[in-house]
């Protein structure tokens, strides 16, 4: 019972983060933001389901998917950095 307020606060924070990710999407970039929006909305539904059912399984799914997405963005950033570095050295 003592963890319920903490759980609610964490759930609110997670939803706020997802909301921020969603509202900052620039939909003019086509397919990528459309797909990201559907992922974020799915995550919100999963969090609500977990909250209403008292089942942490959907939360675990959201965390795993968010981690996977973050790792993908990190890999993309690494590739972009390497390409930029090659471009700089090629021009020097």
C-alpha atoms as a PDB file:
ATOM      1  CA  UNK A   1       0.000   0.000   0.000  1.00  0.00           C
ATOM      2  CA  UNK A   2       2.898   2.356   0.733  1.00  0.00           C
ATOM      3  CA  UNK A   3       4.210   2.055  -2.808  1.00  0.00           C
ATOM      4  CA  UNK A   4       0.929   3.086  -4.432  1.00  0.00           C
ATOM      5  CA  UNK A   5       1.597   6.878  -4.288  1.00  0.00           C
ATOM      6  CA  UNK A   6       5.101   6.295  -5.641  1.00  0.00           C
ATOM      7  CA  UNK A   7       3.730   4.085  -8.425  1.00  0.00           C
ATOM      8  CA  UNK A   8       1.129   6.696  -9.352  1.00  0.00           C
ATOM      9  CA  UNK A   9       3.786   9.401  -9.482  1.00  0.00           C
ATOM     10  CA  UNK A  10       6.019   7.275 -11.686  1.00  0.00           C
ATOM     11  CA  UNK A  11       3.074   6.531 -13.965  1.00  0.00           C
ATOM     12  CA  UNK A  12       2.296  10.257 -14.240  1.00  0.00           C
ATOM     13  CA  UNK A  13       5.920  11.004 -15.057  1.00  0.00           C
ATOM     14  CA  UNK A  14       6.032   8.277 -17.709  1.00  0.00           C
ATOM     15  CA  UNK A  15       2.835   9.584 -19.300  1.00  0.00           C
ATOM     16  CA  UNK A  16       4.184  13.149 -19.224  1.00  0.00           C
ATOM     17  CA  UNK A  17       7.373  12.023 -20.984  1.00  0.00           C
ATOM     18  CA  UNK A  18       5.379  10.176 -23.639  1.00  0.00           C
ATOM     19  CA  UNK A  19       3.107  13.203 -24.078  1.00  0.00           C
ATOM     20  CA  UNK A  20       6.142  15.440 -24.564  1.00  0.00           C
ATOM     21  CA  UNK A  21       7.648  13.069 -27.122  1.00  0.00           C
ATOM     22  CA  UNK A  22       4.326  13.023 -28.947  1.00  0.00           C
ATOM     23  CA  UNK A  23       3.649  16.759 -29.033  1.00  0.00           C
ATOM     24  CA  UNK A  24       7.166  17.611 -30.183  1.00  0.00           C
ATOM     25  CA  UNK A  25       6.950  15.439 -33.294  1.00  0.00           C
ATOM     26  CA  UNK A  26       7.237  17.420 -36.506  1.00  0.00           C
ATOM     27  CA  UNK A  27       4.629  15.705 -38.650  1.00  0.00           C
ATOM     28  CA  UNK A  28       5.951  17.405 -41.809  1.00  0.00           C
ATOM     29  CA  UNK A  29       8.698  14.765 -42.000  1.00  0.00           C
ATOM     30  CA  UNK A  30       6.352  12.075 -43.280  1.00  0.00           C
ATOM     31  CA  UNK A  31       6.387   8.433 -42.299  1.00  0.00           C
ATOM     32  CA  UNK A  32       8.809   8.507 -39.358  1.00  0.00           C
ATOM     33  CA  UNK A  33       6.823  10.872 -37.108  1.00  0.00           C
ATOM     34  CA  UNK A  34       3.594   9.099 -38.087  1.00  0.00           C
ATOM     35  CA  UNK A  35       5.039   5.789 -36.932  1.00  0.00           C
ATOM     36  CA  UNK A  36       6.522   7.322 -33.800  1.00  0.00           C
ATOM     37  CA  UNK A  37       3.158   8.855 -32.918  1.00  0.00           C
ATOM     38  CA  UNK A  38       1.467   5.467 -33.200  1.00  0.00           C
ATOM     39  CA  UNK A  39       4.156   3.950 -30.948  1.00  0.00           C
ATOM     40  CA  UNK A  40       3.710   6.698 -28.358  1.00  0.00           C
ATOM     41  CA  UNK A  41      -0.073   6.326 -28.379  1.00  0.00           C
ATOM     42  CA  UNK A  42       0.309   2.568 -27.998  1.00  0.00           C
ATOM     43  CA  UNK A  43       2.579   3.132 -25.004  1.00  0.00           C
ATOM     44  CA  UNK A  44      -0.016   5.420 -23.405  1.00  0.00           C
ATOM     45  CA  UNK A  45      -2.696   2.746 -23.873  1.00  0.00           C
ATOM     46  CA  UNK A  46      -0.390   0.151 -22.338  1.00  0.00           C
ATOM     47  CA  UNK A  47       0.269   2.333 -19.297  1.00  0.00           C
ATOM     48  CA  UNK A  48      -3.439   2.943 -18.815  1.00  0.00           C
ATOM     49  CA  UNK A  49      -4.120  -0.785 -19.137  1.00  0.00           C
ATOM     50  CA  UNK A  50      -1.450  -1.552 -16.549  1.00  0.00           C
ATOM     51  CA  UNK A  51      -2.873   1.055 -14.219  1.00  0.00           C
ATOM     52  CA  UNK A  52      -6.467  -0.074 -14.498  1.00  0.00           C
ATOM     53  CA  UNK A  53      -5.664  -3.799 -14.296  1.00  0.00           C
ATOM     54  CA  UNK A  54      -2.958  -3.485 -11.661  1.00  0.00           C
ATOM     55  CA  UNK A  55      -0.750  -5.592 -13.924  1.00  0.00           C
ATOM     56  CA  UNK A  56       2.863  -4.491 -14.460  1.00  0.00           C
ATOM     57  CA  UNK A  57       3.307  -6.599 -17.630  1.00  0.00           C
ATOM     58  CA  UNK A  58       2.278  -3.775 -20.029  1.00  0.00           C
ATOM     59  CA  UNK A  59       4.690  -1.439 -18.237  1.00  0.00           C
ATOM     60  CA  UNK A  60       7.504  -3.910 -18.794  1.00  0.00           C
ATOM     61  CA  UNK A  61       6.641  -3.990 -22.507  1.00  0.00           C
ATOM     62  CA  UNK A  62       6.705  -0.185 -22.722  1.00  0.00           C
ATOM     63  CA  UNK A  63      10.042  -0.005 -20.927  1.00  0.00           C
ATOM     64  CA  UNK A  64      11.570  -2.641 -23.227  1.00  0.00           C
ATOM     65  CA  UNK A  65      10.259  -0.924 -26.353  1.00  0.00           C
ATOM     66  CA  UNK A  66      11.404   2.509 -25.171  1.00  0.00           C
ATOM     67  CA  UNK A  67      14.851   1.093 -24.453  1.00  0.00           C
ATOM     68  CA  UNK A  68      14.978  -0.482 -27.925  1.00  0.00           C
ATOM     69  CA  UNK A  69      13.923   2.797 -29.541  1.00  0.00           C
ATOM     70  CA  UNK A  70      16.536   4.731 -27.590  1.00  0.00           C
ATOM     71  CA  UNK A  71      19.252   2.271 -28.599  1.00  0.00           C
ATOM     72  CA  UNK A  72      18.166   2.627 -32.232  1.00  0.00           C
ATOM     73  CA  UNK A  73      18.411   6.418 -32.043  1.00  0.00           C
ATOM     74  CA  UNK A  74      21.842   6.092 -30.432  1.00  0.00           C
ATOM     75  CA  UNK A  75      23.025   3.865 -33.315  1.00  0.00           C
ATOM     76  CA  UNK A  76      21.631   6.337 -35.857  1.00  0.00           C
ATOM     77  CA  UNK A  77      23.451   9.182 -34.108  1.00  0.00           C
ATOM     78  CA  UNK A  78      26.696   7.185 -34.151  1.00  0.00           C
ATOM     79  CA  UNK A  79      26.358   6.544 -37.896  1.00  0.00           C
ATOM     80  CA  UNK A  80      25.569  10.216 -38.548  1.00  0.00           C
ATOM     81  CA  UNK A  81      28.554  11.318 -36.453  1.00  0.00           C
ATOM     82  CA  UNK A  82      30.873   8.953 -38.316  1.00  0.00           C
ATOM     83  CA  UNK A  83      29.569  10.185 -41.679  1.00  0.00           C
ATOM     84  CA  UNK A  84      30.050  13.806 -40.638  1.00  0.00           C
ATOM     85  CA  UNK A  85      33.569  13.035 -39.474  1.00  0.00           C
ATOM     86  CA  UNK A  86      34.414  11.380 -42.828  1.00  0.00           C
ATOM     87  CA  UNK A  87      32.963  14.385 -44.629  1.00  0.00           C
ATOM     88  CA  UNK A  88      35.102  16.800 -42.621  1.00  0.00           C
ATOM     89  CA  UNK A  89      38.282  14.786 -43.273  1.00  0.00           C
ATOM     90  CA  UNK A  90      37.467  14.375 -46.953  1.00  0.00           C
ATOM     91  CA  UNK A  91      37.139  18.144 -47.315  1.00  0.00           C
ATOM     92  CA  UNK A  92      40.364  18.896 -45.455  1.00  0.00           C
END
